Amino acid sequence: MVASLAIPPAVALHRCQVSLKVIFRAGCPRLQHKTLANTRRQGGTRGDNRSFHFRVQSVSDTRSMPATMPALQEELKAARQAVTLASRLCRSVQMTLGSAEHQDKPDDSPVTVADYGAQAVVAWTLKEAFPGTPLSLIAEEDADDLRLPSGAAMLDRITALVNETLGLARQLAPAQVADLIDAGGSPGGRTGRHWVLDPIDGTRGFVGRRQYAVCLGLIEGGEVTLGVLGCPNLPQAAPVGQASLDAEAAERDAHLAPRDSGCLFHAVKGQGAWVCGLAGGEVPARISAQTDPEGSAAVYMTSWESRHSNHDLTDRLAAAVGVTRPALKLDSQAKYGLLARGDASIFLRMPAPGYKEKVWDHAAGAVLVTEAGGCISDCHGRPLDFGAGRFLEGLQGGIIAAAPPTLHAALVRAYTEAAAVDA
């Protein structure tokens, strides 16, 4: 059953009485928050379609409200809005991306006008949502190259994209957009509150018109407490397989419109994992990771490109726990979305020795997986450390994410055994 509670602004008044009408329909998820303080049921009968009226009596002070309201709802609202806007910008660019709109970084990874534009849009949205709080944002991009004379044309294009996406009455200037991009230079840390953003996770997939994700998380006291993933190319219908992903990529390569609106995932610590269509207008549905498939029934995911992960090692680990299906290969934290939604059971990432994982590549996806009932750790079963700054310091071997927890434990054991053999 599902219930839609529209609480009017009157609940914020000093003293008020508010009537809520709750309509239950069969076949929908249960209402998650069952307690309404100081309430009295006034009517209703059992059945598939029934109504109840509750009267909230004498709410004397708004300070009493947080006890019955989920935490981080304002932050979640802002994060969902930011990711939705950034995803809209990215989708518009991906279909028409030209060679002059992307370049390679010193580490040979690509960056596009959409990476920069999405980062500016997210920074602007968070600043507007919390104007009285200094923004601490750990993000991938900076505007150093854009501020050079050689970057002026690209910065102008990014500025046009940002203004088109935000639709402001007073448009932003290129210098303002560059400042928004540079707002992502926070060092992070174990104290305080830090937003963490990958404006386009899987830029190679984005350039190749495959999967990518806009990933925004919130770190508080060194722990990820909120995550939102925008996956514009990820089908809403399950199950998702390699053939369907490749077919949709081919359609995008032919400049055809996507089949559906993509997916918007979100999770807040202690409140479960949820998904809805990226186009908006839908009530999010709660999702859960796999609870039983192990061995041959498990679907195992890895990175699209071998430069991001040792495919030989990940194949060995998957085989060691009984996986018989070929790996599902796709870019970005969309893999975490599929794991949380139950479309897959395993995600393995084994980068080259010496590679340092960045917090923005995993923060949003990690809280999504754990809230869906899955497990994520380094290869020795240790929790990922998101409080050490911009990198996942102390990471051993790589990352194992899986569901159910027994499968995760089996993969950790398999890695330990494989490491002993290879030593």
Protein backbone atom coordinates (compact mmCIF):
# COMPACT_ATOMS: atom_id res chain seq x y z
CA MET A 1 0.00 0.00 0.00
CA VAL A 2 1.18 3.54 -0.61
CA ALA A 3 0.06 6.72 1.06
CA SER A 4 0.60 10.24 -0.18
CA LEU A 5 0.78 12.79 2.62
CA ALA A 6 0.62 16.39 1.49
CA ILE A 7 1.30 18.45 4.61
CA PRO A 8 0.43 22.11 3.99
CA PRO A 9 2.61 24.99 5.15
CA ALA A 10 0.23 25.47 8.07
CA VAL A 11 2.12 22.80 10.03
CA ALA A 12 4.89 25.33 10.51
CA LEU A 13 2.61 27.74 12.39
CA HIS A 14 3.05 28.29 16.12
CA ARG A 15 -0.24 26.61 17.01
CA CYS A 16 -2.40 24.80 14.49
CA GLN A 17 -4.73 21.94 13.76
CA VAL A 18 -4.22 20.04 10.53
CA SER A 19 -6.37 17.34 8.95
CA LEU A 20 -4.57 14.75 6.84
CA LYS A 21 -6.34 12.43 4.45
CA VAL A 22 -4.49 9.17 3.84
CA ILE A 23 -5.67 7.00 0.96
CA PHE A 24 -4.48 3.40 0.83
CA ARG A 25 -4.51 1.36 -2.35
CA ALA A 26 -3.76 -2.30 -2.79
CA GLY A 27 -0.56 -3.46 -4.46
CA CYS A 28 1.60 -0.50 -3.41
CA PRO A 29 4.47 -0.27 -0.89
CA ARG A 30 3.56 0.21 2.73
CA LEU A 31 3.63 3.61 4.34
CA GLN A 32 7.06 3.83 5.91
CA HIS A 33 6.43 6.30 8.73
CA LYS A 34 3.68 4.86 10.89
CA THR A 35 3.76 7.22 13.85
CA LEU A 36 1.86 10.50 13.90
CA ALA A 37 2.31 12.19 17.24
CA ASN A 38 -0.83 13.38 19.02
CA THR A 39 -3.21 11.89 16.48
CA ARG A 40 -6.72 10.50 16.67
CA ARG A 41 -8.29 8.25 14.04
CA GLN A 42 -11.70 9.60 13.09
CA GLY A 43 -13.01 7.05 10.63
CA GLY A 44 -12.33 4.46 8.02
CA THR A 45 -13.01 0.87 7.21
CA ARG A 46 -10.83 -1.97 6.09
CA GLY A 47 -10.60 -2.89 2.44
CA ASP A 48 -8.56 -2.34 -0.70
CA ASN A 49 -9.57 1.30 -0.98
CA ARG A 50 -10.10 3.13 2.29
CA SER A 51 -9.58 6.52 3.86
CA PHE A 52 -8.57 7.69 7.30
CA HIS A 53 -8.60 11.20 8.72
CA PHE A 54 -6.07 12.20 11.33
CA ARG A 55 -6.16 15.41 13.32
CA VAL A 56 -2.86 16.78 14.59
CA GLN A 57 -3.78 18.57 17.79
CA SER A 58 -2.09 21.70 19.10
CA VAL A 59 1.31 21.57 17.48
CA SER A 60 2.77 24.11 19.86
CA ASP A 61 6.23 24.62 18.42
CA THR A 62 8.03 23.72 15.18
CA ARG A 63 10.87 22.36 17.29
CA SER A 64 8.72 19.30 18.00
CA MET A 65 8.43 18.40 14.31
CA PRO A 66 11.87 16.80 13.61
CA ALA A 67 11.05 13.92 15.97
CA THR A 68 8.55 12.59 13.45
CA MET A 69 10.21 13.75 10.22
CA PRO A 70 13.03 11.90 8.40
CA ALA A 71 16.47 13.44 8.60
CA LEU A 72 18.18 15.31 5.76
CA GLN A 73 15.00 15.95 3.78
CA GLU A 74 16.02 19.48 2.74
CA GLU A 75 19.42 18.17 1.70
CA LEU A 76 17.81 15.33 -0.24
CA LYS A 77 15.46 17.71 -2.02
CA ALA A 78 18.35 19.96 -3.06
CA ALA A 79 20.51 17.02 -4.13
CA ARG A 80 17.76 15.50 -6.26
CA GLN A 81 17.11 18.85 -7.91
CA ALA A 82 20.81 19.40 -8.57
CA VAL A 83 21.33 15.95 -10.08
CA THR A 84 18.17 16.21 -12.19
CA LEU A 85 19.26 19.54 -13.66
CA ALA A 86 22.80 18.32 -14.28
CA SER A 87 21.51 15.14 -15.92
CA ARG A 88 19.30 17.23 -18.18
CA LEU A 89 22.33 19.24 -19.29
CA CYS A 90 24.37 16.08 -19.88
CA ARG A 91 21.67 14.39 -21.92
CA SER A 92 21.32 17.41 -24.20
CA VAL A 93 25.07 17.45 -24.82
CA GLN A 94 25.60 13.71 -25.31
CA MET A 95 23.39 13.48 -28.36
CA THR A 96 25.27 16.23 -30.20
CA LEU A 97 28.77 16.13 -28.68
CA GLY A 98 31.35 17.55 -31.06
CA SER A 99 35.11 17.05 -31.13
CA ALA A 100 35.70 20.64 -29.96
CA GLU A 101 33.60 20.02 -26.84
CA HIS A 102 35.93 17.56 -25.12
CA GLN A 103 39.62 17.23 -24.43
CA ASP A 104 41.99 14.92 -22.58
CA LYS A 105 43.38 15.56 -19.12
CA PRO A 106 47.03 14.88 -18.23
CA ASP A 107 46.02 11.41 -16.96
CA ASP A 108 44.52 10.62 -20.41
CA SER A 109 40.95 10.72 -19.12
CA PRO A 110 38.52 12.82 -21.15
CA VAL A 111 36.65 15.89 -19.94
CA THR A 112 33.77 17.52 -21.79
CA VAL A 113 31.72 20.69 -21.69
CA ALA A 114 29.07 18.60 -19.92
CA ASP A 115 31.46 17.66 -17.05
CA TYR A 116 32.17 21.32 -16.41
CA GLY A 117 28.58 22.43 -16.96
CA ALA A 118 27.13 19.77 -14.67
CA GLN A 119 29.56 20.70 -11.90
CA ALA A 120 28.62 24.38 -12.19
CA VAL A 121 24.89 23.56 -12.12
CA VAL A 122 25.23 21.39 -9.00
CA ALA A 123 27.36 23.99 -7.20
CA TRP A 124 24.85 26.74 -8.03
CA THR A 125 21.89 24.64 -6.86
CA LEU A 126 23.51 23.78 -3.53
CA LYS A 127 24.54 27.39 -2.92
CA GLU A 128 21.00 28.56 -3.61
CA ALA A 129 19.47 25.87 -1.39
CA PHE A 130 21.67 26.71 1.60
CA PRO A 131 22.61 30.38 1.21
CA GLY A 132 23.64 30.82 4.83
CA THR A 133 26.08 27.92 4.84
CA PRO A 134 29.51 27.98 3.15
CA LEU A 135 29.62 25.27 0.49
CA SER A 136 32.23 22.55 0.97
CA LEU A 137 32.21 20.58 -2.27
CA ILE A 138 34.66 17.82 -3.19
CA ALA A 139 34.37 17.55 -6.96
CA GLU A 140 36.40 16.25 -9.86
CA GLU A 141 36.87 19.26 -12.14
CA ASP A 142 38.52 22.67 -11.90
CA ALA A 143 38.47 25.67 -14.21
CA ASP A 144 42.22 26.23 -14.55
CA ASP A 145 42.35 25.40 -18.27
CA LEU A 146 39.13 27.26 -18.96
CA ARG A 147 40.57 30.49 -17.56
CA LEU A 148 43.39 30.43 -20.13
CA PRO A 149 42.95 32.27 -23.43
CA SER A 150 42.89 28.89 -25.19
CA GLY A 151 39.92 27.84 -23.06
CA ALA A 152 37.76 30.90 -23.67
CA ALA A 153 35.63 29.38 -26.42
CA MET A 154 34.96 26.24 -24.37
CA LEU A 155 34.07 28.34 -21.32
CA ASP A 156 31.62 30.36 -23.41
CA ARG A 157 29.95 27.12 -24.56
CA ILE A 158 29.76 25.85 -20.97
CA THR A 159 28.28 29.15 -19.81
CA ALA A 160 25.58 28.95 -22.47
CA LEU A 161 24.71 25.39 -21.38
CA VAL A 162 24.53 26.37 -17.71
CA ASN A 163 22.31 29.38 -18.39
CA GLU A 164 20.03 27.33 -20.62
CA THR A 165 19.70 24.65 -17.94
CA LEU A 166 19.08 26.98 -15.01
CA GLY A 167 16.81 29.38 -16.88
CA LEU A 168 17.74 32.35 -14.72
CA ALA A 169 16.27 35.77 -15.37
CA ARG A 170 19.74 37.24 -14.93
CA GLN A 171 22.21 35.04 -16.74
CA LEU A 172 25.58 34.05 -15.34
CA ALA A 173 28.79 35.41 -16.85
CA PRO A 174 31.68 33.13 -17.88
CA ALA A 175 33.73 34.24 -14.86
CA GLN A 176 30.86 33.31 -12.54
CA VAL A 177 30.55 29.87 -14.13
CA ALA A 178 34.29 29.34 -13.74
CA ASP A 179 33.98 30.26 -10.06
CA LEU A 180 31.16 27.73 -9.64
CA ILE A 181 33.32 25.02 -11.19
CA ASP A 182 36.18 25.91 -8.84
CA ALA A 183 33.83 25.65 -5.86
CA GLY A 184 34.58 21.91 -6.01
CA GLY A 185 38.09 22.22 -4.61
CA SER A 186 37.33 21.33 -0.98
CA PRO A 187 39.89 18.99 0.65
CA GLY A 188 37.15 17.22 2.61
CA GLY A 189 38.06 15.53 5.88
CA ARG A 190 36.68 13.77 8.94
CA THR A 191 35.00 16.78 10.49
CA GLY A 192 32.17 18.89 9.19
CA ARG A 193 29.84 18.44 6.24
CA HIS A 194 31.11 17.97 2.70
CA TRP A 195 29.21 17.41 -0.52
CA VAL A 196 31.02 15.12 -2.95
CA LEU A 197 30.36 15.19 -6.69
CA ASP A 198 31.34 13.40 -9.84
CA PRO A 199 29.61 15.54 -12.48
CA ILE A 200 29.93 12.78 -15.05
CA ASP A 201 31.11 9.43 -13.76
CA GLY A 202 32.09 7.39 -16.78
CA THR A 203 33.09 10.19 -19.16
CA ARG A 204 34.43 7.65 -21.66
CA GLY A 205 31.01 6.04 -21.64
CA PHE A 206 29.45 9.47 -22.05
CA VAL A 207 31.62 10.23 -25.09
CA GLY A 208 30.88 6.75 -26.47
CA ARG A 209 27.12 7.28 -25.90
CA ARG A 210 27.05 4.44 -23.36
CA GLN A 211 26.25 4.54 -19.65
CA TYR A 212 27.28 7.38 -17.36
CA ALA A 213 26.01 8.89 -14.10
CA VAL A 214 25.80 12.20 -12.27
CA CYS A 215 26.77 11.31 -8.70
CA LEU A 216 26.24 13.50 -5.62
CA GLY A 217 26.83 12.43 -2.04
CA LEU A 218 26.95 14.03 1.38
CA ILE A 219 29.71 13.21 3.87
CA GLU A 220 29.15 14.09 7.53
CA GLY A 221 31.81 13.36 10.11
CA GLY A 222 33.67 11.20 7.60
CA GLU A 223 30.63 9.05 6.77
CA VAL A 224 28.41 9.12 3.69
CA THR A 225 24.87 9.86 4.83
CA LEU A 226 23.14 10.68 1.53
CA GLY A 227 23.59 9.76 -2.10
CA VAL A 228 21.85 10.58 -5.38
CA LEU A 229 22.61 9.01 -8.77
CA GLY A 230 21.25 10.33 -12.04
CA CYS A 231 21.58 7.70 -14.78
CA PRO A 232 20.10 9.25 -17.95
CA ASN A 233 20.71 6.22 -20.18
CA LEU A 234 19.85 3.43 -17.74
CA PRO A 235 16.61 1.62 -18.66
CA GLN A 236 13.91 1.73 -16.02
CA ALA A 237 12.65 -1.73 -16.94
CA ALA A 238 14.34 -4.76 -15.43
CA PRO A 239 16.13 -7.00 -16.04
CA VAL A 240 19.01 -5.18 -17.70
CA GLY A 241 21.48 -7.21 -19.74
CA GLN A 242 24.47 -6.62 -22.00
CA ALA A 243 22.36 -6.96 -25.14
CA SER A 244 19.86 -4.31 -24.03
CA LEU A 245 22.61 -1.92 -22.95
CA ASP A 246 24.52 -2.36 -26.21
CA ALA A 247 21.36 -1.97 -28.30
CA GLU A 248 20.47 1.30 -26.60
CA ALA A 249 24.03 2.57 -27.04
CA ALA A 250 23.76 1.83 -30.75
CA GLU A 251 20.52 3.81 -30.92
CA ARG A 252 22.17 6.78 -29.24
CA ASP A 253 25.10 6.49 -31.64
CA ALA A 254 22.53 6.89 -34.41
CA HIS A 255 21.26 10.02 -32.60
CA LEU A 256 17.93 8.48 -31.66
CA ALA A 257 16.09 9.59 -28.55
CA PRO A 258 16.36 7.39 -25.44
CA ARG A 259 13.56 4.89 -24.89
CA ASP A 260 12.63 6.15 -21.45
CA SER A 261 13.53 8.89 -19.04
CA GLY A 262 16.45 7.20 -17.30
CA CYS A 263 16.69 6.60 -13.56
CA LEU A 264 17.13 8.79 -10.49
CA PHE A 265 18.31 6.81 -7.45
CA HIS A 266 18.59 8.16 -3.94
CA ALA A 267 19.37 6.93 -0.45
CA VAL A 268 19.63 8.50 2.99
CA LYS A 269 21.28 6.59 5.80
CA GLY A 270 18.65 4.66 7.72
CA GLN A 271 15.86 5.40 5.22
CA GLY A 272 16.36 2.80 2.50
CA ALA A 273 17.13 3.07 -1.22
CA TRP A 274 14.69 4.48 -3.79
CA VAL A 275 14.35 5.04 -7.52
CA CYS A 276 12.08 6.92 -9.90
CA GLY A 277 12.17 8.14 -13.47
CA LEU A 278 14.61 10.96 -14.14
CA ALA A 279 11.98 12.93 -16.04
CA GLY A 280 10.09 13.59 -12.79
CA GLY A 281 6.44 13.32 -11.89
CA GLU A 282 6.77 9.85 -10.35
CA VAL A 283 6.62 8.77 -6.73
CA PRO A 284 9.92 7.05 -5.86
CA ALA A 285 9.69 3.30 -5.31
CA ARG A 286 11.71 1.51 -2.67
CA ILE A 287 14.27 -0.93 -4.04
CA SER A 288 16.19 -3.83 -2.53
CA ALA A 289 19.31 -5.71 -3.48
CA GLN A 290 19.28 -9.44 -4.12
CA THR A 291 18.62 -11.58 -1.07
CA ASP A 292 19.16 -15.08 -2.41
CA PRO A 293 20.97 -15.46 -5.79
CA GLU A 294 24.44 -16.87 -5.31
CA GLY A 295 26.78 -18.88 -7.47
CA SER A 296 25.54 -19.62 -10.96
CA ALA A 297 22.46 -17.42 -10.53
CA ALA A 298 24.50 -14.31 -9.71
CA VAL A 299 25.00 -11.51 -12.24
CA TYR A 300 28.47 -10.03 -11.99
CA MET A 301 29.44 -6.53 -13.19
CA THR A 302 32.77 -4.94 -13.96
CA SER A 303 34.08 -1.83 -15.67
CA TRP A 304 33.63 -1.43 -19.41
CA GLU A 305 37.34 -0.80 -19.99
CA SER A 306 40.16 -2.99 -18.73
CA ARG A 307 42.22 0.11 -17.89
CA HIS A 308 39.81 0.70 -14.99
CA SER A 309 39.90 -2.82 -13.58
CA ASN A 310 41.87 -6.06 -13.90
CA HIS A 311 39.32 -8.16 -15.78
CA ASP A 312 41.37 -11.36 -15.44
CA LEU A 313 41.33 -11.06 -11.66
CA THR A 314 37.67 -10.11 -11.41
CA ASP A 315 36.73 -13.04 -13.66
CA ARG A 316 38.70 -15.39 -11.39
CA LEU A 317 36.98 -14.10 -8.27
CA ALA A 318 33.55 -14.39 -9.83
CA ALA A 319 34.27 -17.95 -10.96
CA ALA A 320 35.54 -18.83 -7.48
CA VAL A 321 32.09 -18.14 -6.00
CA GLY A 322 30.34 -20.11 -8.75
CA VAL A 323 29.40 -17.41 -11.27
CA THR A 324 28.96 -18.90 -14.73
CA ARG A 325 27.52 -15.98 -16.70
CA PRO A 326 29.75 -13.56 -18.63
CA ALA A 327 30.43 -10.26 -16.91
CA LEU A 328 28.00 -7.40 -17.47
CA LYS A 329 30.27 -4.54 -18.51
CA LEU A 330 29.20 -0.94 -18.17
CA ASP A 331 30.64 2.43 -17.23
CA SER A 332 30.06 4.52 -14.12
CA GLN A 333 28.26 4.20 -10.79
CA ALA A 334 25.22 3.05 -12.73
CA LYS A 335 26.57 -0.34 -11.64
CA TYR A 336 25.73 0.56 -8.05
CA GLY A 337 22.22 1.44 -9.16
CA LEU A 338 21.76 -1.97 -10.79
CA LEU A 339 23.11 -3.70 -7.69
CA ALA A 340 20.76 -1.76 -5.41
CA ARG A 341 17.81 -2.45 -7.71
CA GLY A 342 18.47 -6.19 -7.73
CA ASP A 343 19.43 -6.44 -11.41
CA ALA A 344 22.89 -7.72 -10.47
CA SER A 345 24.56 -9.30 -7.46
CA ILE A 346 28.26 -8.42 -7.75
CA PHE A 347 30.41 -5.44 -8.71
CA LEU A 348 34.18 -5.91 -8.64
CA ARG A 349 36.72 -3.16 -9.28
CA MET A 350 40.40 -4.09 -9.19
CA PRO A 351 42.48 -1.14 -10.42
CA ALA A 352 46.16 -1.27 -11.30
CA PRO A 353 48.64 -1.23 -8.40
CA GLY A 354 49.35 2.31 -7.24
CA TYR A 355 46.06 3.73 -8.51
CA LYS A 356 44.31 5.90 -5.92
CA GLU A 357 40.53 5.74 -5.90
CA LYS A 358 38.72 9.07 -5.55
CA VAL A 359 35.88 9.54 -3.09
CA TRP A 360 33.56 10.95 -5.78
CA ASP A 361 33.78 7.70 -7.76
CA HIS A 362 32.06 5.70 -5.00
CA ALA A 363 30.43 7.85 -2.28
CA ALA A 364 26.90 8.16 -3.65
CA GLY A 365 26.83 4.57 -4.88
CA ALA A 366 28.14 3.15 -1.62
CA VAL A 367 25.30 4.49 0.54
CA LEU A 368 22.79 3.43 -2.11
CA VAL A 369 24.03 -0.18 -2.02
CA THR A 370 24.16 -0.44 1.76
CA GLU A 371 20.69 1.08 2.18
CA ALA A 372 19.38 -1.46 -0.34
CA GLY A 373 20.77 -4.31 1.77
CA GLY A 374 24.08 -4.94 0.01
CA CYS A 375 27.65 -4.76 1.27
CA ILE A 376 30.66 -2.78 0.02
CA SER A 377 34.25 -2.89 1.24
CA ASP A 378 37.84 -3.12 0.12
CA CYS A 379 39.16 -6.54 -0.86
CA HIS A 380 39.93 -7.43 2.75
CA GLY A 381 36.43 -6.63 3.95
CA ARG A 382 37.33 -3.27 5.49
CA PRO A 383 34.89 -0.36 5.15
CA LEU A 384 35.74 2.33 2.62
CA ASP A 385 37.16 5.44 4.30
CA PHE A 386 35.41 8.54 2.98
CA GLY A 387 36.80 10.82 5.69
CA ALA A 388 40.44 10.92 4.59
CA GLY A 389 40.02 13.68 2.00
CA ARG A 390 39.68 13.52 -1.76
CA PHE A 391 41.02 9.95 -2.03
CA LEU A 392 40.07 6.60 -0.51
CA GLU A 393 43.27 6.32 1.50
CA GLY A 394 44.33 2.92 2.77
CA LEU A 395 42.29 1.02 0.20
CA GLN A 396 43.63 -2.52 -0.12
CA GLY A 397 43.45 -4.28 -3.49
CA GLY A 398 40.23 -2.88 -4.83
CA ILE A 399 36.50 -2.74 -4.16
CA ILE A 400 33.98 -5.54 -3.66
CA ALA A 401 30.27 -4.74 -3.64
CA ALA A 402 27.74 -7.55 -3.50
CA ALA A 403 24.40 -8.81 -2.25
CA PRO A 404 23.42 -10.77 -0.26
CA PRO A 405 26.04 -10.29 2.49
CA THR A 406 26.97 -13.98 2.39
CA LEU A 407 28.03 -13.56 -1.24
CA HIS A 408 30.11 -10.53 -0.32
CA ALA A 409 31.86 -12.53 2.40
CA ALA A 410 32.57 -15.35 -0.07
CA LEU A 411 34.16 -12.89 -2.50
CA VAL A 412 36.41 -11.48 0.23
CA ARG A 413 37.56 -15.02 1.03
CA ALA A 414 38.13 -15.71 -2.66
CA TYR A 415 40.30 -12.61 -2.95
CA THR A 416 42.37 -13.63 0.09
CA GLU A 417 42.94 -17.06 -1.43
CA ALA A 418 43.79 -15.63 -4.85
CA ALA A 419 46.25 -13.15 -3.32
CA ALA A 420 47.97 -15.97 -1.44
CA VAL A 421 48.37 -17.97 -4.66
CA ASP A 422 49.71 -14.95 -6.58
CA ALA A 423 52.16 -13.91 -3.83
